[in-house]
Amino acid sequence: MGTLQEQMRGLDGVTSAALSGLDVQIHPIPGAVEVLQVCIEQRESLPIYITCSDSQLLCMCYLWTEEEVLPARRTELLETLLDLNPSVPLSSFGRIGKHYVLLGALARNARVEDVAQDIAALSDNALDALDAMSEFLK
């Protein structure tokens, strides 16, 4: 299989269409692991990152850091995230280091149209998560 960037050719336009015409830009992130950053108009603070393994594509959006959580409400936040996880379509909450994230995964050979739908859902879910969890954040 070719590079992730080759596989995702045209993703910006297809994702834009899935998001009712919002401007979408794709930027490769230099490094040992191939990563693409997806920036969406009006959602610049919530970029989505795409990377892959031999068997899957992973789409991820950073939501907030541990430092942004109100210490007195941390346990309640974690319980709420666990309770909400089953009802968040096509996404799962997780934590990487001190960063709370929303994740989506697809088969490694997923079509651009499928990845675009996952990105649109992930972006919408990230906005909803920030709104719903704002009472637990500083």
N, C-alpha and C. Protein backbone atom coordinates (compact mmCIF):
# COMPACT_ATOMS: atom_id res chain seq x y z
N MET A 1 0.86 -1.19 0.00
CA MET A 1 0.00 0.00 0.00
C MET A 1 0.89 1.23 0.00
N GLY A 2 0.46 2.28 -0.65
CA GLY A 2 1.22 3.52 -0.72
C GLY A 2 1.23 4.25 0.60
N THR A 3 1.74 5.46 0.56
CA THR A 3 1.80 6.25 1.78
C THR A 3 0.39 6.71 2.18
N LEU A 4 0.29 7.09 3.41
CA LEU A 4 -0.99 7.60 3.91
C LEU A 4 -1.41 8.82 3.12
N GLN A 5 -0.46 9.69 2.83
CA GLN A 5 -0.79 10.91 2.08
C GLN A 5 -1.34 10.57 0.69
N GLU A 6 -0.76 9.58 0.03
CA GLU A 6 -1.27 9.15 -1.28
C GLU A 6 -2.67 8.57 -1.14
N GLN A 7 -2.87 7.74 -0.13
CA GLN A 7 -4.17 7.11 0.08
C GLN A 7 -5.26 8.15 0.36
N MET A 8 -4.89 9.24 1.01
CA MET A 8 -5.87 10.25 1.42
C MET A 8 -5.99 11.39 0.41
N ARG A 9 -5.47 11.21 -0.77
CA ARG A 9 -5.58 12.23 -1.81
C ARG A 9 -7.07 12.53 -2.06
N GLY A 10 -7.41 13.81 -2.03
CA GLY A 10 -8.80 14.23 -2.24
C GLY A 10 -9.62 14.28 -0.96
N LEU A 11 -9.01 13.91 0.18
CA LEU A 11 -9.75 13.90 1.44
C LEU A 11 -10.29 15.27 1.81
N ASP A 12 -9.55 16.33 1.50
CA ASP A 12 -10.01 17.67 1.86
C ASP A 12 -11.35 18.00 1.22
N GLY A 13 -11.49 17.75 -0.07
CA GLY A 13 -12.75 18.05 -0.76
C GLY A 13 -13.91 17.19 -0.31
N VAL A 14 -13.66 15.90 -0.12
CA VAL A 14 -14.72 14.99 0.30
C VAL A 14 -15.16 15.32 1.73
N THR A 15 -14.20 15.66 2.60
CA THR A 15 -14.55 16.03 3.98
C THR A 15 -15.31 17.34 4.00
N SER A 16 -14.89 18.29 3.17
CA SER A 16 -15.60 19.56 3.08
C SER A 16 -17.07 19.33 2.71
N ALA A 17 -17.31 18.46 1.75
CA ALA A 17 -18.69 18.15 1.34
C ALA A 17 -19.45 17.50 2.49
N ALA A 18 -18.80 16.63 3.26
CA ALA A 18 -19.46 15.97 4.39
C ALA A 18 -19.77 16.95 5.51
N LEU A 19 -19.06 18.08 5.53
CA LEU A 19 -19.27 19.11 6.56
C LEU A 19 -19.97 20.34 5.98
N SER A 20 -20.85 20.13 5.02
CA SER A 20 -21.67 21.19 4.42
C SER A 20 -20.85 22.35 3.87
N GLY A 21 -19.70 22.04 3.27
CA GLY A 21 -18.93 23.06 2.58
C GLY A 21 -17.90 23.80 3.41
N LEU A 22 -17.69 23.44 4.68
CA LEU A 22 -16.64 24.08 5.46
C LEU A 22 -15.30 23.82 4.78
N ASP A 23 -14.41 24.81 4.83
CA ASP A 23 -13.08 24.65 4.23
C ASP A 23 -12.27 23.65 5.06
N VAL A 24 -11.62 22.71 4.39
CA VAL A 24 -10.82 21.68 5.03
C VAL A 24 -9.44 21.68 4.40
N GLN A 25 -8.42 21.71 5.24
CA GLN A 25 -7.04 21.67 4.75
C GLN A 25 -6.31 20.51 5.40
N ILE A 26 -5.48 19.82 4.61
CA ILE A 26 -4.71 18.68 5.08
C ILE A 26 -3.23 19.05 5.06
N HIS A 27 -2.55 18.82 6.18
CA HIS A 27 -1.13 19.14 6.29
C HIS A 27 -0.38 17.92 6.79
N PRO A 28 0.67 17.48 6.08
CA PRO A 28 1.50 16.40 6.61
C PRO A 28 2.34 16.92 7.79
N ILE A 29 2.50 16.09 8.80
CA ILE A 29 3.33 16.42 9.97
C ILE A 29 4.63 15.63 9.82
N PRO A 30 5.76 16.32 9.73
CA PRO A 30 7.03 15.60 9.57
C PRO A 30 7.35 14.74 10.80
N GLY A 31 7.97 13.61 10.57
CA GLY A 31 8.39 12.74 11.66
C GLY A 31 8.57 11.32 11.19
N ALA A 32 8.98 10.47 12.11
CA ALA A 32 9.24 9.06 11.80
C ALA A 32 7.95 8.32 11.46
N VAL A 33 6.84 8.73 12.08
CA VAL A 33 5.53 8.12 11.81
C VAL A 33 4.74 9.08 10.93
N GLU A 34 4.12 8.55 9.89
CA GLU A 34 3.35 9.40 8.98
C GLU A 34 2.06 9.86 9.66
N VAL A 35 1.87 11.17 9.73
CA VAL A 35 0.70 11.78 10.35
C VAL A 35 0.20 12.90 9.45
N LEU A 36 -1.11 12.97 9.28
CA LEU A 36 -1.74 14.08 8.57
C LEU A 36 -2.59 14.86 9.56
N GLN A 37 -2.52 16.18 9.48
CA GLN A 37 -3.35 17.05 10.31
C GLN A 37 -4.47 17.59 9.44
N VAL A 38 -5.69 17.45 9.92
CA VAL A 38 -6.87 17.94 9.21
C VAL A 38 -7.38 19.17 9.96
N CYS A 39 -7.34 20.32 9.29
CA CYS A 39 -7.83 21.57 9.88
C CYS A 39 -9.15 21.94 9.21
N ILE A 40 -10.14 22.21 10.04
CA ILE A 40 -11.49 22.50 9.54
C ILE A 40 -11.87 23.93 9.89
N GLU A 41 -12.37 24.66 8.90
CA GLU A 41 -12.82 26.03 9.08
C GLU A 41 -13.75 26.13 10.28
N GLN A 42 -13.56 27.15 11.11
CA GLN A 42 -14.35 27.42 12.30
C GLN A 42 -14.11 26.40 13.42
N ARG A 43 -13.21 25.45 13.20
CA ARG A 43 -12.89 24.44 14.21
C ARG A 43 -11.37 24.30 14.33
N GLU A 44 -10.66 25.40 14.08
CA GLU A 44 -9.21 25.38 14.05
C GLU A 44 -8.60 24.91 15.37
N SER A 45 -9.28 25.14 16.48
CA SER A 45 -8.74 24.72 17.78
C SER A 45 -8.90 23.22 18.01
N LEU A 46 -9.56 22.52 17.10
CA LEU A 46 -9.78 21.08 17.23
C LEU A 46 -9.33 20.34 15.96
N PRO A 47 -8.05 20.44 15.63
CA PRO A 47 -7.60 19.70 14.45
C PRO A 47 -7.70 18.20 14.70
N ILE A 48 -7.80 17.46 13.62
CA ILE A 48 -7.87 16.00 13.69
C ILE A 48 -6.60 15.46 13.07
N TYR A 49 -6.03 14.46 13.71
CA TYR A 49 -4.80 13.84 13.23
C TYR A 49 -5.12 12.43 12.75
N ILE A 50 -4.53 12.08 11.60
CA ILE A 50 -4.72 10.75 11.02
C ILE A 50 -3.36 10.08 10.94
N THR A 51 -3.28 8.84 11.41
CA THR A 51 -2.08 8.03 11.26
C THR A 51 -2.53 6.60 10.99
N CYS A 52 -1.59 5.71 10.77
CA CYS A 52 -1.99 4.35 10.44
C CYS A 52 -0.99 3.33 10.95
N SER A 53 -1.48 2.11 11.08
CA SER A 53 -0.64 0.94 11.33
C SER A 53 -0.83 0.02 10.14
N ASP A 54 -0.34 -1.19 10.23
CA ASP A 54 -0.53 -2.14 9.13
C ASP A 54 -1.99 -2.51 8.93
N SER A 55 -2.81 -2.42 9.99
CA SER A 55 -4.18 -2.91 9.90
C SER A 55 -5.26 -1.85 10.05
N GLN A 56 -4.92 -0.64 10.51
CA GLN A 56 -5.98 0.34 10.71
C GLN A 56 -5.51 1.77 10.53
N LEU A 57 -6.49 2.63 10.27
CA LEU A 57 -6.30 4.07 10.27
C LEU A 57 -6.84 4.58 11.59
N LEU A 58 -6.13 5.50 12.20
CA LEU A 58 -6.58 6.09 13.46
C LEU A 58 -6.77 7.58 13.25
N CYS A 59 -7.96 8.08 13.60
CA CYS A 59 -8.26 9.51 13.57
C CYS A 59 -8.41 9.95 15.01
N MET A 60 -7.77 11.08 15.36
CA MET A 60 -7.76 11.50 16.76
C MET A 60 -7.88 13.01 16.86
N CYS A 61 -8.60 13.45 17.88
CA CYS A 61 -8.76 14.87 18.16
C CYS A 61 -8.45 15.11 19.63
N TYR A 62 -7.49 16.00 19.91
CA TYR A 62 -7.18 16.37 21.29
C TYR A 62 -8.26 17.31 21.80
N LEU A 63 -8.81 17.03 22.98
CA LEU A 63 -9.90 17.82 23.54
C LEU A 63 -9.40 18.82 24.59
N TRP A 64 -8.75 18.32 25.64
CA TRP A 64 -8.23 19.16 26.71
C TRP A 64 -7.12 18.40 27.41
N THR A 65 -6.41 19.11 28.31
CA THR A 65 -5.33 18.48 29.07
C THR A 65 -5.77 18.27 30.52
N GLU A 66 -5.01 17.46 31.21
CA GLU A 66 -5.27 17.20 32.63
C GLU A 66 -5.28 18.50 33.43
N GLU A 67 -4.42 19.44 33.06
CA GLU A 67 -4.33 20.72 33.78
C GLU A 67 -5.60 21.55 33.64
N GLU A 68 -6.39 21.30 32.61
CA GLU A 68 -7.62 22.06 32.39
C GLU A 68 -8.82 21.50 33.16
N VAL A 69 -8.65 20.35 33.78
CA VAL A 69 -9.74 19.71 34.52
C VAL A 69 -9.80 20.30 35.93
N LEU A 70 -11.00 20.63 36.38
CA LEU A 70 -11.18 21.10 37.76
C LEU A 70 -10.86 19.93 38.69
N PRO A 71 -9.86 20.06 39.55
CA PRO A 71 -9.44 18.93 40.40
C PRO A 71 -10.59 18.33 41.22
N ALA A 72 -11.47 19.17 41.73
CA ALA A 72 -12.57 18.68 42.57
C ALA A 72 -13.61 17.89 41.76
N ARG A 73 -13.59 18.04 40.43
CA ARG A 73 -14.60 17.38 39.58
C ARG A 73 -14.01 16.28 38.71
N ARG A 74 -12.71 15.96 38.89
CA ARG A 74 -12.02 15.01 38.02
C ARG A 74 -12.68 13.64 38.01
N THR A 75 -12.98 13.09 39.17
CA THR A 75 -13.60 11.76 39.24
C THR A 75 -14.95 11.77 38.54
N GLU A 76 -15.72 12.81 38.75
CA GLU A 76 -17.03 12.93 38.10
C GLU A 76 -16.88 13.03 36.58
N LEU A 77 -15.85 13.77 36.12
CA LEU A 77 -15.58 13.87 34.68
C LEU A 77 -15.27 12.49 34.11
N LEU A 78 -14.39 11.74 34.76
CA LEU A 78 -14.02 10.41 34.27
C LEU A 78 -15.24 9.48 34.21
N GLU A 79 -16.08 9.52 35.23
CA GLU A 79 -17.28 8.68 35.23
C GLU A 79 -18.23 9.11 34.11
N THR A 80 -18.35 10.41 33.89
CA THR A 80 -19.23 10.90 32.82
C THR A 80 -18.70 10.47 31.45
N LEU A 81 -17.39 10.54 31.25
CA LEU A 81 -16.80 10.10 29.98
C LEU A 81 -17.08 8.61 29.74
N LEU A 82 -16.93 7.80 30.78
CA LEU A 82 -17.22 6.37 30.64
C LEU A 82 -18.69 6.14 30.32
N ASP A 83 -19.56 6.89 30.97
CA ASP A 83 -21.00 6.74 30.72
C ASP A 83 -21.38 7.18 29.31
N LEU A 84 -20.74 8.22 28.82
CA LEU A 84 -21.05 8.75 27.49
C LEU A 84 -20.45 7.93 26.35
N ASN A 85 -19.35 7.24 26.62
CA ASN A 85 -18.61 6.56 25.56
C ASN A 85 -19.49 5.70 24.65
N PRO A 86 -20.41 4.88 25.17
CA PRO A 86 -21.22 4.05 24.26
C PRO A 86 -22.17 4.85 23.36
N SER A 87 -22.50 6.07 23.76
CA SER A 87 -23.49 6.83 22.99
C SER A 87 -22.87 7.84 22.04
N VAL A 88 -21.54 7.85 21.92
CA VAL A 88 -20.87 8.77 21.00
C VAL A 88 -20.61 8.02 19.70
N PRO A 89 -21.39 8.29 18.66
CA PRO A 89 -21.27 7.51 17.42
C PRO A 89 -19.90 7.62 16.77
N LEU A 90 -19.35 6.48 16.42
CA LEU A 90 -18.10 6.36 15.66
C LEU A 90 -16.88 6.92 16.38
N SER A 91 -16.96 7.20 17.67
CA SER A 91 -15.83 7.78 18.40
C SER A 91 -15.76 7.18 19.80
N SER A 92 -14.57 7.26 20.38
CA SER A 92 -14.36 6.79 21.75
C SER A 92 -13.49 7.81 22.48
N PHE A 93 -13.77 8.02 23.76
CA PHE A 93 -12.93 8.87 24.58
C PHE A 93 -11.72 8.08 25.02
N GLY A 94 -10.60 8.76 25.18
CA GLY A 94 -9.39 8.13 25.67
C GLY A 94 -8.47 9.18 26.26
N ARG A 95 -7.31 8.73 26.69
CA ARG A 95 -6.32 9.66 27.23
C ARG A 95 -4.95 9.20 26.76
N ILE A 96 -4.16 10.14 26.28
CA ILE A 96 -2.79 9.89 25.88
C ILE A 96 -1.93 10.83 26.71
N GLY A 97 -1.19 10.26 27.64
CA GLY A 97 -0.43 11.09 28.56
C GLY A 97 -1.39 11.97 29.36
N LYS A 98 -1.21 13.28 29.27
CA LYS A 98 -2.08 14.22 29.99
C LYS A 98 -3.16 14.80 29.09
N HIS A 99 -3.30 14.25 27.89
CA HIS A 99 -4.26 14.77 26.92
C HIS A 99 -5.49 13.86 26.81
N TYR A 100 -6.68 14.44 26.98
CA TYR A 100 -7.92 13.72 26.74
C TYR A 100 -8.22 13.82 25.24
N VAL A 101 -8.59 12.72 24.64
CA VAL A 101 -8.78 12.67 23.20
C VAL A 101 -10.08 11.98 22.84
N LEU A 102 -10.48 12.19 21.61
CA LEU A 102 -11.59 11.47 21.00
C LEU A 102 -10.99 10.73 19.81
N LEU A 103 -11.30 9.45 19.68
CA LEU A 103 -10.67 8.59 18.68
C LEU A 103 -11.70 7.94 17.77
N GLY A 104 -11.29 7.71 16.55
CA GLY A 104 -12.06 6.92 15.61
C GLY A 104 -11.09 6.02 14.86
N ALA A 105 -11.50 4.82 14.50
CA ALA A 105 -10.61 3.90 13.78
C ALA A 105 -11.35 3.27 12.61
N LEU A 106 -10.61 3.04 11.55
CA LEU A 106 -11.15 2.40 10.35
C LEU A 106 -10.13 1.37 9.86
N ALA A 107 -10.56 0.53 8.95
CA ALA A 107 -9.66 -0.43 8.32
C ALA A 107 -8.58 0.34 7.56
N ARG A 108 -7.39 -0.21 7.50
CA ARG A 108 -6.24 0.44 6.85
C ARG A 108 -6.54 0.77 5.38
N ASN A 109 -7.34 -0.04 4.73
CA ASN A 109 -7.64 0.20 3.31
C ASN A 109 -8.96 0.95 3.11
N ALA A 110 -9.40 1.70 4.13
CA ALA A 110 -10.66 2.45 4.04
C ALA A 110 -10.62 3.45 2.88
N ARG A 111 -11.75 3.62 2.26
CA ARG A 111 -11.88 4.59 1.17
C ARG A 111 -11.86 6.01 1.73
N VAL A 112 -11.43 6.95 0.91
CA VAL A 112 -11.40 8.36 1.30
C VAL A 112 -12.78 8.81 1.78
N GLU A 113 -13.84 8.35 1.12
CA GLU A 113 -15.20 8.74 1.50
C GLU A 113 -15.53 8.27 2.92
N ASP A 114 -15.06 7.09 3.28
CA ASP A 114 -15.30 6.57 4.63
C ASP A 114 -14.50 7.35 5.68
N VAL A 115 -13.27 7.69 5.34
CA VAL A 115 -12.44 8.48 6.26
C VAL A 115 -13.05 9.86 6.44
N ALA A 116 -13.55 10.45 5.37
CA ALA A 116 -14.19 11.77 5.45
C ALA A 116 -15.40 11.73 6.38
N GLN A 117 -16.22 10.69 6.28
CA GLN A 117 -17.38 10.55 7.17
C GLN A 117 -16.93 10.41 8.62
N ASP A 118 -15.86 9.66 8.86
CA ASP A 118 -15.34 9.48 10.21
C ASP A 118 -14.82 10.81 10.76
N ILE A 119 -14.11 11.57 9.93
CA ILE A 119 -13.59 12.88 10.35
C ILE A 119 -14.74 13.83 10.67
N ALA A 120 -15.76 13.85 9.83
CA ALA A 120 -16.92 14.73 10.08
C ALA A 120 -17.59 14.36 11.40
N ALA A 121 -17.80 13.07 11.63
CA ALA A 121 -18.42 12.62 12.88
C ALA A 121 -17.53 12.95 14.08
N LEU A 122 -16.24 12.70 13.95
CA LEU A 122 -15.30 12.97 15.03
C LEU A 122 -15.27 14.45 15.37
N SER A 123 -15.25 15.30 14.35
CA SER A 123 -15.23 16.75 14.57
C SER A 123 -16.51 17.21 15.26
N ASP A 124 -17.66 16.74 14.77
CA ASP A 124 -18.93 17.09 15.42
C ASP A 124 -18.97 16.58 16.86
N ASN A 125 -18.51 15.35 17.08
CA ASN A 125 -18.50 14.78 18.43
C ASN A 125 -17.57 15.55 19.36
N ALA A 126 -16.44 16.03 18.82
CA ALA A 126 -15.52 16.82 19.64
C ALA A 126 -16.17 18.12 20.10
N LEU A 127 -16.88 18.78 19.20
CA LEU A 127 -17.60 20.01 19.59
C LEU A 127 -18.64 19.71 20.67
N ASP A 128 -19.39 18.63 20.47
CA ASP A 128 -20.40 18.24 21.46
C ASP A 128 -19.76 17.89 22.80
N ALA A 129 -18.62 17.18 22.76
CA ALA A 129 -17.94 16.78 24.00
C ALA A 129 -17.45 18.00 24.77
N LEU A 130 -16.86 18.96 24.08
CA LEU A 130 -16.40 20.17 24.75
C LEU A 130 -17.55 20.91 25.40
N ASP A 131 -18.66 20.99 24.70
CA ASP A 131 -19.84 21.65 25.25
C ASP A 131 -20.37 20.90 26.47
N ALA A 132 -20.49 19.59 26.35
CA ALA A 132 -21.05 18.79 27.43
C ALA A 132 -20.13 18.72 28.65
N MET A 133 -18.82 18.77 28.44
CA MET A 133 -17.87 18.61 29.54
C MET A 133 -17.36 19.93 30.09
N SER A 134 -17.82 21.05 29.57
CA SER A 134 -17.30 22.36 29.98
C SER A 134 -17.44 22.62 31.48
N GLU A 135 -18.44 22.05 32.11
CA GLU A 135 -18.62 22.28 33.55
C GLU A 135 -17.52 21.63 34.38
N PHE A 136 -16.76 20.69 33.78
CA PHE A 136 -15.67 20.02 34.50
C PHE A 136 -14.31 20.65 34.23
N LEU A 137 -14.29 21.69 33.39
CA LEU A 137 -13.03 22.30 32.97
C LEU A 137 -12.89 23.72 33.50
N LYS A 138 -11.63 24.13 33.67
CA LYS A 138 -11.31 25.49 34.13
C LYS A 138 -11.61 26.50 33.04
